[in-house]
Amino acid sequence: MITHGFKNNENLPMKIYTKTGDKGQTALYGGTRVSKASARVDSYGNIDELNSFIGISKSHITDEEVLKQLKKIQFDLFTVGSEAATPVDKLMLANGKSRLSLIISDTEIEELENWMDGFEDKLEPLQYFILPGGGKSATFLHAARTICRRAERSLVFLNESEEVRPELIKYLNRLSDYLFVLARYISKINNEPEEYWNPNER
């Protein structure tokens, strides 16, 4: 999870370099220090990488509605990353509520589904697998999709040793589908043809 630019309790700007991670460890929410090679750090690192690739995709997209959606997704990915960076024993309060002010819920998942439905109404049905491509913006979206799948896998792996709320995994699963459909939609509105993996044509 990115913490650069946050301020400390004295409301003073924090330096980018802290030197506290020079020995290969980092601090999670609540102060617990773990190896940078841990499953939890790997999971929110993948989410951070995904967010960055969505930012690259945005820089090549001009459709205002799509940009609005992607901005909301980047915001939500920070929410996902915040929870991924929080140990389970530090996450919940005594009353059963999360310590975090924002969490991913079915609302955000359904939002992705509604956006996808809107795009698919304007696309031709798939007949073959699509090769990643279809123009610069679509290609970056396909790359983001694969990183999203990796982020999902890393949360599933983390969940084998530490509990992860199922909504986080479900959100990333749905987001990878959204990025695939969006890549197709962007190719269509940019008049950039898709390439297919057709076993009958080699």
C-alpha atoms as a PDB file:
ATOM      1  CA  MET A   1       0.000   0.000   0.000  1.00  0.00           C
ATOM      2  CA  ILE A   2       1.404   3.405  -0.926  1.00  0.00           C
ATOM      3  CA  THR A   3       2.067   5.607   2.098  1.00  0.00           C
ATOM      4  CA  HIS A   4       4.265   8.223   0.429  1.00  0.00           C
ATOM      5  CA  GLY A   5       3.018  11.709   1.170  1.00  0.00           C
ATOM      6  CA  PHE A   6       1.006  10.781   4.265  1.00  0.00           C
ATOM      7  CA  LYS A   7       1.599  12.934   7.341  1.00  0.00           C
ATOM      8  CA  ASN A   8       2.548  11.837  10.836  1.00  0.00           C
ATOM      9  CA  ASN A   9       0.769  12.662  14.069  1.00  0.00           C
ATOM     10  CA  GLU A  10       2.603  15.993  14.325  1.00  0.00           C
ATOM     11  CA  ASN A  11       1.105  16.961  10.941  1.00  0.00           C
ATOM     12  CA  LEU A  12       4.589  17.325   9.455  1.00  0.00           C
ATOM     13  CA  PRO A  13       5.436  16.130   5.946  1.00  0.00           C
ATOM     14  CA  MET A  14       7.008  12.665   5.941  1.00  0.00           C
ATOM     15  CA  LYS A  15      10.192  11.981   4.049  1.00  0.00           C
ATOM     16  CA  ILE A  16       9.975   9.533   1.158  1.00  0.00           C
ATOM     17  CA  TYR A  17      12.843   7.506   2.576  1.00  0.00           C
ATOM     18  CA  THR A  18      12.521   6.165   6.114  1.00  0.00           C
ATOM     19  CA  LYS A  19      15.427   3.655   6.172  1.00  0.00           C
ATOM     20  CA  THR A  20      13.229   1.341   8.261  1.00  0.00           C
ATOM     21  CA  GLY A  21      12.987  -1.191   5.434  1.00  0.00           C
ATOM     22  CA  ASP A  22      16.679  -1.512   4.709  1.00  0.00           C
ATOM     23  CA  LYS A  23      16.818  -4.979   6.294  1.00  0.00           C
ATOM     24  CA  GLY A  24      14.025  -6.404   4.173  1.00  0.00           C
ATOM     25  CA  GLN A  25      11.145  -5.822   6.565  1.00  0.00           C
ATOM     26  CA  THR A  26       8.167  -3.473   6.488  1.00  0.00           C
ATOM     27  CA  ALA A  27       5.440  -2.378   8.896  1.00  0.00           C
ATOM     28  CA  LEU A  28       1.806  -3.349   8.494  1.00  0.00           C
ATOM     29  CA  TYR A  29      -1.158  -1.397   9.835  1.00  0.00           C
ATOM     30  CA  GLY A  30      -0.917  -1.593  13.635  1.00  0.00           C
ATOM     31  CA  GLY A  31       2.859  -1.683  13.655  1.00  0.00           C
ATOM     32  CA  THR A  32       3.525  -5.391  13.072  1.00  0.00           C
ATOM     33  CA  ARG A  33       6.781  -5.838  11.145  1.00  0.00           C
ATOM     34  CA  VAL A  34       7.012  -8.601   8.553  1.00  0.00           C
ATOM     35  CA  SER A  35       9.317  -9.685   5.751  1.00  0.00           C
ATOM     36  CA  LYS A  36       8.826  -7.894   2.443  1.00  0.00           C
ATOM     37  CA  ALA A  37       8.651 -11.395   0.952  1.00  0.00           C
ATOM     38  CA  SER A  38       5.567 -12.306   3.012  1.00  0.00           C
ATOM     39  CA  ALA A  39       2.305 -13.328   1.378  1.00  0.00           C
ATOM     40  CA  ARG A  40       0.540 -10.247   2.752  1.00  0.00           C
ATOM     41  CA  VAL A  41       3.106  -7.790   1.399  1.00  0.00           C
ATOM     42  CA  ASP A  42       3.085  -9.604  -1.947  1.00  0.00           C
ATOM     43  CA  SER A  43      -0.698  -9.301  -2.133  1.00  0.00           C
ATOM     44  CA  TYR A  44      -0.938  -5.557  -1.590  1.00  0.00           C
ATOM     45  CA  GLY A  45       2.138  -5.027  -3.761  1.00  0.00           C
ATOM     46  CA  ASN A  46       0.304  -6.698  -6.638  1.00  0.00           C
ATOM     47  CA  ILE A  47      -2.714  -4.490  -5.984  1.00  0.00           C
ATOM     48  CA  ASP A  48      -0.474  -1.417  -6.088  1.00  0.00           C
ATOM     49  CA  GLU A  49       1.034  -2.579  -9.397  1.00  0.00           C
ATOM     50  CA  LEU A  50      -2.449  -3.134 -10.797  1.00  0.00           C
ATOM     51  CA  ASN A  51      -3.479   0.382  -9.794  1.00  0.00           C
ATOM     52  CA  SER A  52      -0.424   1.795 -11.567  1.00  0.00           C
ATOM     53  CA  PHE A  53      -1.212  -0.081 -14.782  1.00  0.00           C
ATOM     54  CA  ILE A  54      -4.762   1.227 -14.702  1.00  0.00           C
ATOM     55  CA  GLY A  55      -3.219   4.696 -14.435  1.00  0.00           C
ATOM     56  CA  ILE A  56      -1.155   3.987 -17.563  1.00  0.00           C
ATOM     57  CA  SER A  57      -4.305   2.827 -19.344  1.00  0.00           C
ATOM     58  CA  LYS A  58      -6.110   6.043 -18.380  1.00  0.00           C
ATOM     59  CA  SER A  59      -3.388   8.139 -19.997  1.00  0.00           C
ATOM     60  CA  HIS A  60      -4.345   6.649 -23.392  1.00  0.00           C
ATOM     61  CA  ILE A  61      -8.147   6.849 -22.999  1.00  0.00           C
ATOM     62  CA  THR A  62     -10.286   9.861 -23.872  1.00  0.00           C
ATOM     63  CA  ASP A  63     -13.814   8.569 -23.169  1.00  0.00           C
ATOM     64  CA  GLU A  64     -15.008  10.613 -20.175  1.00  0.00           C
ATOM     65  CA  GLU A  65     -17.384   7.984 -18.793  1.00  0.00           C
ATOM     66  CA  VAL A  66     -14.702   5.287 -18.920  1.00  0.00           C
ATOM     67  CA  LEU A  67     -12.198   7.610 -17.232  1.00  0.00           C
ATOM     68  CA  LYS A  68     -14.726   8.298 -14.483  1.00  0.00           C
ATOM     69  CA  GLN A  69     -15.154   4.563 -13.919  1.00  0.00           C
ATOM     70  CA  LEU A  70     -11.405   3.918 -13.845  1.00  0.00           C
ATOM     71  CA  LYS A  71     -10.867   6.733 -11.357  1.00  0.00           C
ATOM     72  CA  LYS A  72     -13.450   5.135  -9.047  1.00  0.00           C
ATOM     73  CA  ILE A  73     -11.756   1.745  -9.489  1.00  0.00           C
ATOM     74  CA  GLN A  74      -8.376   3.207  -8.555  1.00  0.00           C
ATOM     75  CA  PHE A  75      -9.957   4.651  -5.414  1.00  0.00           C
ATOM     76  CA  ASP A  76     -11.488   1.266  -4.587  1.00  0.00           C
ATOM     77  CA  LEU A  77      -8.159  -0.498  -5.155  1.00  0.00           C
ATOM     78  CA  PHE A  78      -6.618   1.704  -2.470  1.00  0.00           C
ATOM     79  CA  THR A  79      -9.402   0.475  -0.200  1.00  0.00           C
ATOM     80  CA  VAL A  80      -8.641  -3.143  -1.124  1.00  0.00           C
ATOM     81  CA  GLY A  81      -4.920  -2.560  -0.579  1.00  0.00           C
ATOM     82  CA  SER A  82      -5.503  -0.973   2.815  1.00  0.00           C
ATOM     83  CA  GLU A  83      -7.332  -4.043   4.041  1.00  0.00           C
ATOM     84  CA  ALA A  84      -4.806  -6.398   2.441  1.00  0.00           C
ATOM     85  CA  ALA A  85      -2.104  -4.579   4.422  1.00  0.00           C
ATOM     86  CA  THR A  86      -3.964  -5.043   7.723  1.00  0.00           C
ATOM     87  CA  PRO A  87      -3.481  -8.196   9.829  1.00  0.00           C
ATOM     88  CA  VAL A  88      -6.734  -9.862  10.825  1.00  0.00           C
ATOM     89  CA  ASP A  89      -6.123  -9.312  14.540  1.00  0.00           C
ATOM     90  CA  LYS A  90      -5.754  -5.580  13.903  1.00  0.00           C
ATOM     91  CA  LEU A  91      -8.713  -5.284  11.519  1.00  0.00           C
ATOM     92  CA  MET A  92     -11.788  -5.817  13.665  1.00  0.00           C
ATOM     93  CA  LEU A  93     -13.022  -3.842  16.655  1.00  0.00           C
ATOM     94  CA  ALA A  94     -14.685  -5.448  19.660  1.00  0.00           C
ATOM     95  CA  ASN A  95     -18.127  -4.605  18.241  1.00  0.00           C
ATOM     96  CA  GLY A  96     -17.378  -6.585  15.073  1.00  0.00           C
ATOM     97  CA  LYS A  97     -16.844  -3.533  12.854  1.00  0.00           C
ATOM     98  CA  SER A  98     -13.742  -2.819  10.816  1.00  0.00           C
ATOM     99  CA  ARG A  99     -11.119  -0.380  12.061  1.00  0.00           C
ATOM    100  CA  LEU A 100     -10.851   0.893   8.497  1.00  0.00           C
ATOM    101  CA  SER A 101     -13.175   3.728   7.530  1.00  0.00           C
ATOM    102  CA  LEU A 102     -13.776   2.197   4.081  1.00  0.00           C
ATOM    103  CA  ILE A 103     -14.205  -1.424   3.035  1.00  0.00           C
ATOM    104  CA  ILE A 104     -15.173  -3.124  -0.213  1.00  0.00           C
ATOM    105  CA  SER A 105     -18.714  -4.505  -0.206  1.00  0.00           C
ATOM    106  CA  ASP A 106     -21.201  -6.038  -2.620  1.00  0.00           C
ATOM    107  CA  THR A 107     -22.031  -2.476  -3.722  1.00  0.00           C
ATOM    108  CA  GLU A 108     -18.668  -2.043  -5.461  1.00  0.00           C
ATOM    109  CA  ILE A 109     -18.862  -5.540  -6.958  1.00  0.00           C
ATOM    110  CA  GLU A 110     -22.320  -4.908  -8.383  1.00  0.00           C
ATOM    111  CA  GLU A 111     -21.088  -1.590  -9.762  1.00  0.00           C
ATOM    112  CA  LEU A 112     -18.470  -3.427 -11.826  1.00  0.00           C
ATOM    113  CA  GLU A 113     -21.107  -5.861 -13.066  1.00  0.00           C
ATOM    114  CA  ASN A 114     -23.412  -3.023 -14.149  1.00  0.00           C
ATOM    115  CA  TRP A 115     -20.603  -1.293 -16.020  1.00  0.00           C
ATOM    116  CA  MET A 116     -19.727  -4.544 -17.770  1.00  0.00           C
ATOM    117  CA  ASP A 117     -23.326  -5.113 -18.807  1.00  0.00           C
ATOM    118  CA  GLY A 118     -23.387  -1.648 -20.364  1.00  0.00           C
ATOM    119  CA  PHE A 119     -20.287  -2.364 -22.446  1.00  0.00           C
ATOM    120  CA  GLU A 120     -21.358  -5.839 -23.508  1.00  0.00           C
ATOM    121  CA  ASP A 121     -24.650  -4.500 -24.859  1.00  0.00           C
ATOM    122  CA  LYS A 122     -22.559  -2.643 -27.464  1.00  0.00           C
ATOM    123  CA  LEU A 123     -20.184  -5.504 -28.371  1.00  0.00           C
ATOM    124  CA  GLU A 124     -20.434  -8.450 -30.698  1.00  0.00           C
ATOM    125  CA  PRO A 125     -20.592 -11.816 -28.904  1.00  0.00           C
ATOM    126  CA  LEU A 126     -17.253 -13.594 -28.530  1.00  0.00           C
ATOM    127  CA  GLN A 127     -16.614 -16.512 -30.880  1.00  0.00           C
ATOM    128  CA  TYR A 128     -12.881 -17.063 -30.278  1.00  0.00           C
ATOM    129  CA  PHE A 129     -10.282 -16.235 -27.658  1.00  0.00           C
ATOM    130  CA  ILE A 130      -8.864 -12.736 -28.070  1.00  0.00           C
ATOM    131  CA  LEU A 131      -5.128 -12.093 -28.355  1.00  0.00           C
ATOM    132  CA  PRO A 132      -4.026  -9.253 -26.055  1.00  0.00           C
ATOM    133  CA  GLY A 133      -3.924  -6.151 -28.229  1.00  0.00           C
ATOM    134  CA  GLY A 134      -6.431  -4.073 -30.167  1.00  0.00           C
ATOM    135  CA  GLY A 135      -4.638  -0.726 -29.884  1.00  0.00           C
ATOM    136  CA  LYS A 136      -2.412   0.910 -27.278  1.00  0.00           C
ATOM    137  CA  SER A 137      -5.068   1.617 -24.641  1.00  0.00           C
ATOM    138  CA  ALA A 138      -6.648  -1.818 -25.032  1.00  0.00           C
ATOM    139  CA  THR A 139      -3.242  -3.496 -24.768  1.00  0.00           C
ATOM    140  CA  PHE A 140      -2.528  -1.762 -21.459  1.00  0.00           C
ATOM    141  CA  LEU A 141      -5.973  -2.805 -20.207  1.00  0.00           C
ATOM    142  CA  HIS A 142      -5.185  -6.421 -21.107  1.00  0.00           C
ATOM    143  CA  ALA A 143      -1.912  -6.114 -19.177  1.00  0.00           C
ATOM    144  CA  ALA A 144      -3.833  -4.696 -16.211  1.00  0.00           C
ATOM    145  CA  ARG A 145      -6.231  -7.641 -16.473  1.00  0.00           C
ATOM    146  CA  THR A 146      -3.391 -10.157 -16.101  1.00  0.00           C
ATOM    147  CA  ILE A 147      -1.951  -8.259 -13.126  1.00  0.00           C
ATOM    148  CA  CYS A 148      -5.434  -8.260 -11.600  1.00  0.00           C
ATOM    149  CA  ARG A 149      -5.524 -12.044 -11.926  1.00  0.00           C
ATOM    150  CA  ARG A 150      -2.153 -12.237 -10.170  1.00  0.00           C
ATOM    151  CA  ALA A 151      -3.401  -9.953  -7.401  1.00  0.00           C
ATOM    152  CA  GLU A 152      -6.431 -12.202  -6.997  1.00  0.00           C
ATOM    153  CA  ARG A 153      -4.243 -15.317  -6.819  1.00  0.00           C
ATOM    154  CA  SER A 154      -2.014 -13.686  -4.206  1.00  0.00           C
ATOM    155  CA  LEU A 155      -5.031 -12.903  -2.009  1.00  0.00           C
ATOM    156  CA  VAL A 156      -6.244 -16.487  -2.380  1.00  0.00           C
ATOM    157  CA  PHE A 157      -2.774 -17.670  -1.337  1.00  0.00           C
ATOM    158  CA  LEU A 158      -2.781 -15.312   1.661  1.00  0.00           C
ATOM    159  CA  ASN A 159      -6.215 -16.629   2.615  1.00  0.00           C
ATOM    160  CA  GLU A 160      -4.719 -20.113   3.035  1.00  0.00           C
ATOM    161  CA  SER A 161      -2.767 -18.906   6.072  1.00  0.00           C
ATOM    162  CA  GLU A 162      -4.600 -15.743   7.196  1.00  0.00           C
ATOM    163  CA  GLU A 163      -8.264 -14.922   6.806  1.00  0.00           C
ATOM    164  CA  VAL A 164      -9.176 -12.601   3.940  1.00  0.00           C
ATOM    165  CA  ARG A 165     -12.696 -11.259   3.579  1.00  0.00           C
ATOM    166  CA  PRO A 166     -14.279 -12.981   0.548  1.00  0.00           C
ATOM    167  CA  GLU A 167     -15.479  -9.631  -0.827  1.00  0.00           C
ATOM    168  CA  LEU A 168     -11.868  -8.653  -1.595  1.00  0.00           C
ATOM    169  CA  ILE A 169     -11.223 -11.757  -3.680  1.00  0.00           C
ATOM    170  CA  LYS A 170     -14.602 -11.454  -5.352  1.00  0.00           C
ATOM    171  CA  TYR A 171     -13.944  -7.806  -6.224  1.00  0.00           C
ATOM    172  CA  LEU A 172     -10.635  -8.601  -7.930  1.00  0.00           C
ATOM    173  CA  ASN A 173     -12.215 -11.513  -9.768  1.00  0.00           C
ATOM    174  CA  ARG A 174     -14.934  -9.258 -11.117  1.00  0.00           C
ATOM    175  CA  LEU A 175     -12.464  -6.480 -11.872  1.00  0.00           C
ATOM    176  CA  SER A 176     -10.410  -8.723 -14.152  1.00  0.00           C
ATOM    177  CA  ASP A 177     -13.585  -9.496 -16.105  1.00  0.00           C
ATOM    178  CA  TYR A 178     -14.372  -5.781 -16.279  1.00  0.00           C
ATOM    179  CA  LEU A 179     -10.906  -4.972 -17.649  1.00  0.00           C
ATOM    180  CA  PHE A 180     -11.288  -7.637 -20.341  1.00  0.00           C
ATOM    181  CA  VAL A 181     -14.669  -6.294 -21.459  1.00  0.00           C
ATOM    182  CA  LEU A 182     -13.423  -2.704 -21.277  1.00  0.00           C
ATOM    183  CA  ALA A 183     -10.418  -3.567 -23.486  1.00  0.00           C
ATOM    184  CA  ARG A 184     -12.835  -4.904 -26.106  1.00  0.00           C
ATOM    185  CA  TYR A 185     -15.050  -1.837 -25.810  1.00  0.00           C
ATOM    186  CA  ILE A 186     -12.124   0.570 -26.168  1.00  0.00           C
ATOM    187  CA  SER A 187     -10.957  -1.284 -29.279  1.00  0.00           C
ATOM    188  CA  LYS A 188     -14.436  -0.918 -30.734  1.00  0.00           C
ATOM    189  CA  ILE A 189     -14.876   2.813 -30.111  1.00  0.00           C
ATOM    190  CA  ASN A 190     -11.335   3.474 -31.390  1.00  0.00           C
ATOM    191  CA  ASN A 191     -12.002   1.423 -34.536  1.00  0.00           C
ATOM    192  CA  GLU A 192      -8.992  -0.786 -33.773  1.00  0.00           C
ATOM    193  CA  PRO A 193      -9.590  -4.413 -34.803  1.00  0.00           C
ATOM    194  CA  GLU A 194      -9.211  -7.257 -32.340  1.00  0.00           C
ATOM    195  CA  GLU A 195      -7.042 -10.259 -33.146  1.00  0.00           C
ATOM    196  CA  TYR A 196      -8.335 -13.730 -32.402  1.00  0.00           C
ATOM    197  CA  TRP A 197      -6.836 -17.065 -31.464  1.00  0.00           C
ATOM    198  CA  ASN A 198      -8.570 -19.242 -34.030  1.00  0.00           C
ATOM    199  CA  PRO A 199      -7.188 -22.800 -34.147  1.00  0.00           C
ATOM    200  CA  ASN A 200      -8.606 -23.170 -37.668  1.00  0.00           C
ATOM    201  CA  GLU A 201      -6.504 -20.315 -39.033  1.00  0.00           C
ATOM    202  CA  ARG A 202      -2.758 -20.653 -38.561  1.00  0.00           C
END
